[in-house]
Amino acid sequence: MTQAPGAPTEIRLRRKSRVLEVSFTDGSRFELPFEYLRVYSPSAEVRGHGGGEGRLELAKESVLVTAVEPVGNYAVRLVFDDGHGTGLYSWAFLHELGSQYDAKWARYLERCERLGYERRPVPSSSPAR
C-alpha cells in the first residue's frame, strides 16, 4: 500500500503559464496545467457515479482556474472560469495527477483522437514536471 503524500508544502496558482504548482514533503513538485486539472476533475459530474473513465471533457484548452479554496486539512476546491467548481482535489489526488501525468494525459489525448476531437491548445510555456 502506498503511503499518502500528506499536505502539500506549497500550492501556487500561476495564471500566466496556466498551471497549478504543487510541492509535497516527499520532495515532489508538479506543475499541473489547468486544462489537465479540469478534464480530470474529481467531481461526480465528470467522473460519474459508477466505474469507468467518466465523461470526456472537451474544449477546455483555454479554461482558467479563478480560485483555489482550502477544504479542511485534506483538499482544495478549484473554481474554473467555465463555471465548474464542484470537485474536491485531495492531497493524494493532486499527487496522483502529478506523478501519473504522462500516462493520464496520453490517455486523455487518445480518447480525444478516438472521438475525432482536435484540440486547439492555447500558446503557453510547457509545464515542467
Protein backbone atom coordinates (compact mmCIF):
# COMPACT_ATOMS: atom_id res chain seq x y z
CA MET A 1 0.00 0.00 0.00
CA THR A 2 1.34 3.43 -0.97
CA GLN A 3 1.70 5.97 1.81
CA ALA A 4 -0.39 9.12 1.40
CA PRO A 5 1.71 12.15 0.44
CA GLY A 6 0.40 14.39 3.22
CA ALA A 7 -0.50 18.03 2.79
CA PRO A 8 1.38 19.99 0.16
CA THR A 9 4.12 22.28 1.41
CA GLU A 10 3.16 24.86 -1.21
CA ILE A 11 0.40 25.50 -3.74
CA ARG A 12 0.82 28.30 -6.27
CA LEU A 13 -1.63 29.43 -8.89
CA ARG A 14 0.32 30.56 -11.96
CA ARG A 15 -2.25 32.18 -14.21
CA LYS A 16 0.14 33.37 -16.92
CA SER A 17 1.54 29.89 -17.53
CA ARG A 18 -1.86 28.29 -16.75
CA VAL A 19 -0.57 25.82 -14.17
CA LEU A 20 -1.14 24.96 -10.55
CA GLU A 21 2.24 24.32 -8.93
CA VAL A 22 2.10 21.87 -6.04
CA SER A 23 5.05 20.80 -3.84
CA PHE A 24 4.99 17.95 -1.31
CA THR A 25 7.09 16.95 1.69
CA ASP A 26 8.48 13.95 -0.22
CA GLY A 27 10.31 16.44 -2.45
CA SER A 28 7.99 16.03 -5.43
CA ARG A 29 6.88 19.14 -7.25
CA PHE A 30 4.33 19.22 -10.04
CA GLU A 31 3.10 21.86 -12.46
CA LEU A 32 -0.40 20.77 -13.37
CA PRO A 33 -1.94 22.51 -16.40
CA PHE A 34 -5.39 23.99 -15.87
CA GLU A 35 -6.83 22.00 -18.79
CA TYR A 36 -5.49 18.76 -17.30
CA LEU A 37 -6.97 19.60 -13.89
CA ARG A 38 -10.32 20.41 -15.48
CA VAL A 39 -10.61 17.27 -17.63
CA TYR A 40 -9.60 15.09 -14.67
CA SER A 41 -11.84 16.84 -12.15
CA PRO A 42 -12.77 14.51 -9.29
CA SER A 43 -16.37 15.77 -9.35
CA ALA A 44 -19.25 13.35 -9.84
CA GLU A 45 -20.25 15.46 -12.85
CA VAL A 46 -17.02 14.45 -14.62
CA ARG A 47 -16.14 11.09 -13.06
CA GLY A 48 -19.68 9.79 -12.95
CA HIS A 49 -21.24 7.72 -10.21
CA GLY A 50 -20.06 4.31 -11.35
CA GLY A 51 -16.88 2.73 -12.64
CA GLY A 52 -15.11 3.58 -15.84
CA GLU A 53 -13.31 6.68 -17.01
CA GLY A 54 -16.13 9.13 -16.63
CA ARG A 55 -17.27 11.77 -19.05
CA LEU A 56 -14.83 13.01 -21.67
CA GLU A 57 -14.45 16.77 -21.21
CA LEU A 58 -13.75 18.64 -24.46
CA ALA A 59 -12.88 22.21 -25.43
CA LYS A 60 -11.16 23.01 -22.12
CA GLU A 61 -7.89 24.19 -23.66
CA SER A 62 -8.36 27.80 -22.58
CA VAL A 63 -10.01 27.19 -19.21
CA LEU A 64 -8.65 29.20 -16.28
CA VAL A 65 -8.57 28.45 -12.57
CA THR A 66 -10.03 31.53 -10.90
CA ALA A 67 -9.78 30.38 -7.27
CA VAL A 68 -8.15 27.77 -5.06
CA GLU A 69 -10.20 27.29 -1.91
CA PRO A 70 -8.97 25.19 1.03
CA VAL A 71 -11.31 22.46 2.24
CA GLY A 72 -10.40 21.36 5.74
CA ASN A 73 -6.93 19.88 6.05
CA TYR A 74 -7.29 17.43 3.20
CA ALA A 75 -8.16 19.14 -0.10
CA VAL A 76 -8.72 22.22 -2.23
CA ARG A 77 -11.66 23.15 -4.38
CA LEU A 78 -10.66 24.59 -7.73
CA VAL A 79 -13.03 27.07 -9.34
CA PHE A 80 -12.79 27.29 -13.12
CA ASP A 81 -13.92 30.15 -15.34
CA ASP A 82 -16.29 27.82 -17.22
CA GLY A 83 -18.46 27.63 -14.08
CA HIS A 84 -17.14 24.26 -12.86
CA GLY A 85 -16.23 24.19 -9.19
CA THR A 86 -17.65 21.08 -7.57
CA GLY A 87 -14.59 18.81 -7.48
CA LEU A 88 -12.52 18.45 -4.31
CA TYR A 89 -8.88 17.78 -5.11
CA SER A 90 -7.49 15.84 -2.14
CA TRP A 91 -3.77 15.93 -1.45
CA ALA A 92 -3.50 12.29 -2.55
CA PHE A 93 -5.38 13.02 -5.79
CA LEU A 94 -3.18 16.04 -6.62
CA HIS A 95 -0.10 13.89 -6.01
CA GLU A 96 -1.55 11.16 -8.24
CA LEU A 97 -2.31 13.66 -11.00
CA GLY A 98 1.28 14.87 -10.84
CA SER A 99 3.04 11.53 -10.57
CA GLN A 100 0.88 9.93 -13.30
CA TYR A 101 0.70 12.96 -15.57
CA ASP A 102 2.31 11.38 -18.64
CA ALA A 103 0.08 8.30 -18.65
CA LYS A 104 -3.12 10.18 -17.79
CA TRP A 105 -2.51 12.92 -20.36
CA ALA A 106 -1.69 10.37 -23.06
CA ARG A 107 -4.93 8.54 -22.26
CA TYR A 108 -6.92 11.79 -22.49
CA LEU A 109 -5.36 12.61 -25.88
CA GLU A 110 -6.10 9.07 -27.08
CA ARG A 111 -9.75 9.41 -26.08
CA CYS A 112 -9.98 12.78 -27.88
CA GLU A 113 -8.41 11.32 -31.01
CA ARG A 114 -10.71 8.30 -30.99
CA LEU A 115 -13.69 10.67 -30.87
CA GLY A 116 -12.24 12.80 -33.69
CA TYR A 117 -11.80 15.86 -31.48
CA GLU A 118 -8.89 18.11 -32.48
CA ARG A 119 -7.56 20.08 -29.54
CA ARG A 120 -6.62 23.72 -30.06
CA PRO A 121 -4.02 24.37 -27.35
CA VAL A 122 -3.53 27.89 -26.06
CA PRO A 123 0.08 29.00 -26.61
CA SER A 124 1.96 28.94 -23.32
CA SER A 125 5.15 27.66 -21.80
CA SER A 126 5.37 23.90 -21.40
CA PRO A 127 4.93 22.75 -17.80
CA ALA A 128 7.92 21.11 -16.15
CA ARG A 129 7.25 18.12 -14.00
